[in-house]
PDB file of N, CA and C in Angstrom:
ATOM      1  N   MET A   1      40.710 -11.355 -51.652  1.00  0.00           N
ATOM      2  CA  MET A   1      40.752 -12.413 -50.805  1.00  0.00           C
ATOM      3  C   MET A   1      41.391 -13.578 -50.957  1.00  0.00           C
ATOM      4  N   ALA A   2      41.987 -14.491 -49.965  1.00  0.00           N
ATOM      5  CA  ALA A   2      42.598 -15.910 -50.296  1.00  0.00           C
ATOM      6  C   ALA A   2      41.623 -16.758 -50.859  1.00  0.00           C
ATOM      7  N   SER A   3      41.988 -17.678 -51.828  1.00  0.00           N
ATOM      8  CA  SER A   3      41.124 -19.199 -51.980  1.00  0.00           C
ATOM      9  C   SER A   3      41.800 -19.902 -51.371  1.00  0.00           C
ATOM     10  N   ILE A   4      40.756 -21.270 -50.457  1.00  0.00           N
ATOM     11  CA  ILE A   4      41.349 -22.087 -49.768  1.00  0.00           C
ATOM     12  C   ILE A   4      40.792 -23.724 -50.431  1.00  0.00           C
ATOM     13  N   LEU A   5      41.045 -24.192 -50.407  1.00  0.00           N
ATOM     14  CA  LEU A   5      40.691 -25.969 -51.169  1.00  0.00           C
ATOM     15  C   LEU A   5      41.298 -26.438 -49.551  1.00  0.00           C
ATOM     16  N   ILE A   6      40.076 -27.198 -49.278  1.00  0.00           N
ATOM     17  CA  ILE A   6      40.270 -28.232 -47.699  1.00  0.00           C
ATOM     18  C   ILE A   6      39.653 -30.011 -48.378  1.00  0.00           C
ATOM     19  N   LYS A   7      40.964 -30.341 -48.935  1.00  0.00           N
ATOM     20  CA  LYS A   7      41.164 -31.457 -49.130  1.00  0.00           C
ATOM     21  C   LYS A   7      40.820 -32.502 -48.517  1.00  0.00           C
ATOM     22  N   ASN A   8      39.742 -33.771 -48.471  1.00  0.00           N
ATOM     23  CA  ASN A   8      39.106 -34.843 -47.579  1.00  0.00           C
ATOM     24  C   ASN A   8      38.901 -34.414 -46.292  1.00  0.00           C
ATOM     25  N   ALA A   9      38.193 -33.667 -46.565  1.00  0.00           N
ATOM     26  CA  ALA A   9      37.570 -33.066 -45.094  1.00  0.00           C
ATOM     27  C   ALA A   9      36.322 -34.051 -44.961  1.00  0.00           C
ATOM     28  N   ILE A  10      35.887 -34.100 -43.734  1.00  0.00           N
ATOM     29  CA  ILE A  10      34.963 -34.788 -42.952  1.00  0.00           C
ATOM     30  C   ILE A  10      33.729 -33.580 -42.764  1.00  0.00           C
ATOM     31  N   ILE A  11      32.697 -33.359 -43.703  1.00  0.00           N
ATOM     32  CA  ILE A  11      31.827 -32.289 -43.870  1.00  0.00           C
ATOM     33  C   ILE A  11      30.939 -32.856 -42.983  1.00  0.00           C
ATOM     34  N   ALA A  12      30.192 -31.652 -41.719  1.00  0.00           N
ATOM     35  CA  ALA A  12      29.082 -32.212 -40.903  1.00  0.00           C
ATOM     36  C   ALA A  12      27.754 -31.487 -41.845  1.00  0.00           C
ATOM     37  N   THR A  13      26.917 -31.473 -42.327  1.00  0.00           N
ATOM     38  CA  THR A  13      26.012 -30.950 -42.862  1.00  0.00           C
ATOM     39  C   THR A  13      24.652 -30.305 -42.311  1.00  0.00           C
ATOM     40  N   MET A  14      23.880 -29.806 -42.519  1.00  0.00           N
ATOM     41  CA  MET A  14      22.412 -29.130 -41.838  1.00  0.00           C
ATOM     42  C   MET A  14      21.372 -30.081 -41.510  1.00  0.00           C
ATOM     43  N   ASN A  15      21.847 -31.139 -41.874  1.00  0.00           N
ATOM     44  CA  ASN A  15      21.066 -32.362 -41.447  1.00  0.00           C
ATOM     45  C   ASN A  15      21.061 -33.317 -40.741  1.00  0.00           C
ATOM     46  N   ASN A  16      22.459 -32.932 -40.370  1.00  0.00           N
ATOM     47  CA  ASN A  16      23.103 -33.553 -39.024  1.00  0.00           C
ATOM     48  C   ASN A  16      23.740 -35.283 -39.891  1.00  0.00           C
ATOM     49  N   LYS A  17      24.337 -34.797 -40.923  1.00  0.00           N
ATOM     50  CA  LYS A  17      25.155 -36.091 -41.466  1.00  0.00           C
ATOM     51  C   LYS A  17      26.647 -35.337 -41.791  1.00  0.00           C
ATOM     52  N   LEU A  18      27.717 -36.646 -42.205  1.00  0.00           N
ATOM     53  CA  LEU A  18      28.590 -36.262 -42.374  1.00  0.00           C
ATOM     54  C   LEU A  18      28.948 -37.136 -43.528  1.00  0.00           C
ATOM     55  N   LEU A  19      30.186 -36.139 -44.228  1.00  0.00           N
ATOM     56  CA  LEU A  19      30.499 -36.556 -45.833  1.00  0.00           C
ATOM     57  C   LEU A  19      31.798 -36.551 -45.605  1.00  0.00           C
ATOM     58  N   GLN A  20      32.337 -37.170 -46.553  1.00  0.00           N
ATOM     59  CA  GLN A  20      33.730 -36.797 -46.892  1.00  0.00           C
ATOM     60  C   GLN A  20      33.719 -36.656 -48.268  1.00  0.00           C
ATOM     61  N   GLY A  21      34.780 -35.329 -48.623  1.00  0.00           N
ATOM     62  CA  GLY A  21      35.165 -34.649 -49.877  1.00  0.00           C
ATOM     63  C   GLY A  21      35.882 -33.427 -49.453  1.00  0.00           C
ATOM     64  N   ASP A  22      35.746 -32.803 -50.656  1.00  0.00           N
ATOM     65  CA  ASP A  22      36.602 -31.048 -50.387  1.00  0.00           C
ATOM     66  C   ASP A  22      35.813 -29.790 -50.443  1.00  0.00           C
ATOM     67  N   LEU A  23      36.273 -29.054 -50.485  1.00  0.00           N
ATOM     68  CA  LEU A  23      35.378 -27.691 -49.894  1.00  0.00           C
ATOM     69  C   LEU A  23      36.653 -26.498 -50.427  1.00  0.00           C
ATOM     70  N   LEU A  24      35.534 -25.535 -51.040  1.00  0.00           N
ATOM     71  CA  LEU A  24      36.363 -24.686 -51.577  1.00  0.00           C
ATOM     72  C   LEU A  24      35.467 -23.050 -51.237  1.00  0.00           C
ATOM     73  N   VAL A  25      36.945 -22.411 -50.167  1.00  0.00           N
ATOM     74  CA  VAL A  25      36.600 -20.856 -49.964  1.00  0.00           C
ATOM     75  C   VAL A  25      37.226 -19.898 -50.992  1.00  0.00           C
ATOM     76  N   GLU A  26      36.381 -19.110 -51.279  1.00  0.00           N
ATOM     77  CA  GLU A  26      36.529 -18.045 -51.854  1.00  0.00           C
ATOM     78  C   GLU A  26      36.242 -16.771 -51.301  1.00  0.00           C
ATOM     79  N   ASP A  27      36.688 -15.778 -51.134  1.00  0.00           N
ATOM     80  CA  ASP A  27      37.091 -14.601 -50.686  1.00  0.00           C
ATOM     81  C   ASP A  27      35.618 -14.433 -49.725  1.00  0.00           C
ATOM     82  N   GLY A  28      36.475 -15.963 -48.935  1.00  0.00           N
ATOM     83  CA  GLY A  28      35.700 -15.481 -47.253  1.00  0.00           C
ATOM     84  C   GLY A  28      34.528 -16.628 -47.223  1.00  0.00           C
ATOM     85  N   LYS A  29      33.704 -16.871 -48.566  1.00  0.00           N
ATOM     86  CA  LYS A  29      32.725 -17.565 -48.562  1.00  0.00           C
ATOM     87  C   LYS A  29      32.599 -19.499 -49.063  1.00  0.00           C
ATOM     88  N   ILE A  30      32.111 -19.832 -48.767  1.00  0.00           N
ATOM     89  CA  ILE A  30      32.143 -21.304 -49.313  1.00  0.00           C
ATOM     90  C   ILE A  30      31.346 -21.089 -50.609  1.00  0.00           C
ATOM     91  N   THR A  31      32.210 -22.096 -51.919  1.00  0.00           N
ATOM     92  CA  THR A  31      31.762 -21.734 -53.010  1.00  0.00           C
ATOM     93  C   THR A  31      31.566 -23.137 -53.550  1.00  0.00           C
ATOM     94  N   GLU A  32      31.981 -24.480 -53.278  1.00  0.00           N
ATOM     95  CA  GLU A  32      31.647 -25.486 -53.380  1.00  0.00           C
ATOM     96  C   GLU A  32      31.996 -26.366 -52.658  1.00  0.00           C
ATOM     97  N   ILE A  33      31.507 -27.527 -52.294  1.00  0.00           N
ATOM     98  CA  ILE A  33      31.457 -28.835 -51.813  1.00  0.00           C
ATOM     99  C   ILE A  33      31.193 -30.088 -52.626  1.00  0.00           C
ATOM    100  N   ALA A  34      32.123 -30.813 -52.984  1.00  0.00           N
ATOM    101  CA  ALA A  34      32.333 -31.701 -53.704  1.00  0.00           C
ATOM    102  C   ALA A  34      32.935 -33.188 -53.128  1.00  0.00           C
ATOM    103  N   ARG A  35      33.139 -33.856 -53.739  1.00  0.00           N
ATOM    104  CA  ARG A  35      33.469 -35.556 -53.169  1.00  0.00           C
ATOM    105  C   ARG A  35      34.883 -35.310 -53.892  1.00  0.00           C
ATOM    106  N   THR A  36      35.328 -34.693 -54.908  1.00  0.00           N
ATOM    107  CA  THR A  36      36.785 -34.075 -55.238  1.00  0.00           C
ATOM    108  C   THR A  36      36.717 -32.993 -56.250  1.00  0.00           C
ATOM    109  N   ILE A  37      37.237 -31.706 -55.723  1.00  0.00           N
ATOM    110  CA  ILE A  37      37.550 -30.697 -56.327  1.00  0.00           C
ATOM    111  C   ILE A  37      38.246 -30.127 -56.948  1.00  0.00           C
ATOM    112  N   ASP A  38      38.587 -30.324 -58.521  1.00  0.00           N
ATOM    113  CA  ASP A  38      39.854 -30.025 -59.210  1.00  0.00           C
ATOM    114  C   ASP A  38      40.146 -28.596 -59.642  1.00  0.00           C
ATOM    115  N   LYS A  39      40.430 -27.877 -59.034  1.00  0.00           N
ATOM    116  CA  LYS A  39      40.584 -26.692 -58.834  1.00  0.00           C
ATOM    117  C   LYS A  39      41.905 -26.096 -58.790  1.00  0.00           C
ATOM    118  N   GLN A  40      42.550 -24.875 -58.807  1.00  0.00           N
ATOM    119  CA  GLN A  40      43.565 -24.239 -58.288  1.00  0.00           C
ATOM    120  C   GLN A  40      43.283 -23.410 -57.140  1.00  0.00           C
ATOM    121  N   ALA A  41      43.981 -23.470 -55.866  1.00  0.00           N
ATOM    122  CA  ALA A  41      43.947 -22.712 -55.048  1.00  0.00           C
ATOM    123  C   ALA A  41      44.761 -21.808 -54.574  1.00  0.00           C
ATOM    124  N   GLU A  42      44.680 -20.832 -53.769  1.00  0.00           N
ATOM    125  CA  GLU A  42      46.106 -20.230 -53.322  1.00  0.00           C
ATOM    126  C   GLU A  42      46.411 -21.209 -51.927  1.00  0.00           C
ATOM    127  N   LYS A  43      45.606 -21.731 -51.261  1.00  0.00           N
ATOM    128  CA  LYS A  43      46.364 -22.354 -50.652  1.00  0.00           C
ATOM    129  C   LYS A  43      45.443 -23.633 -50.291  1.00  0.00           C
ATOM    130  N   VAL A  44      46.035 -24.750 -50.346  1.00  0.00           N
ATOM    131  CA  VAL A  44      45.398 -26.189 -50.126  1.00  0.00           C
ATOM    132  C   VAL A  44      45.744 -26.883 -48.999  1.00  0.00           C
ATOM    133  N   ILE A  45      44.684 -27.206 -48.019  1.00  0.00           N
ATOM    134  CA  ILE A  45      45.076 -28.210 -46.996  1.00  0.00           C
ATOM    135  C   ILE A  45      44.640 -29.535 -46.659  1.00  0.00           C
ATOM    136  N   ASP A  46      45.201 -30.108 -46.518  1.00  0.00           N
ATOM    137  CA  ASP A  46      44.870 -31.551 -46.798  1.00  0.00           C
ATOM    138  C   ASP A  46      44.365 -31.903 -45.032  1.00  0.00           C
ATOM    139  N   ALA A  47      43.070 -32.182 -45.269  1.00  0.00           N
ATOM    140  CA  ALA A  47      41.810 -32.220 -43.377  1.00  0.00           C
ATOM    141  C   ALA A  47      42.713 -34.663 -43.556  1.00  0.00           C
ATOM    142  N   SER A  48      43.167 -34.594 -43.983  1.00  0.00           N
ATOM    143  CA  SER A  48      42.893 -36.504 -44.229  1.00  0.00           C
ATOM    144  C   SER A  48      43.886 -36.991 -42.560  1.00  0.00           C
ATOM    145  N   ARG A  49      44.538 -35.808 -41.880  1.00  0.00           N
ATOM    146  CA  ARG A  49      45.003 -36.178 -40.948  1.00  0.00           C
ATOM    147  C   ARG A  49      44.678 -35.845 -39.739  1.00  0.00           C
TER     148      ARG A  49
END
């Protein structure tokens, strides 16, 4: 499956907080959430717009 990196996203946490950062999805599962992710992905989406 494809890896997808979503940059500059607003992420809702399970405790109703919002944070801004990046989200990495690999093989259909979220594998990393961080302020900045510097990994390669097959598709990169800029969510800042």
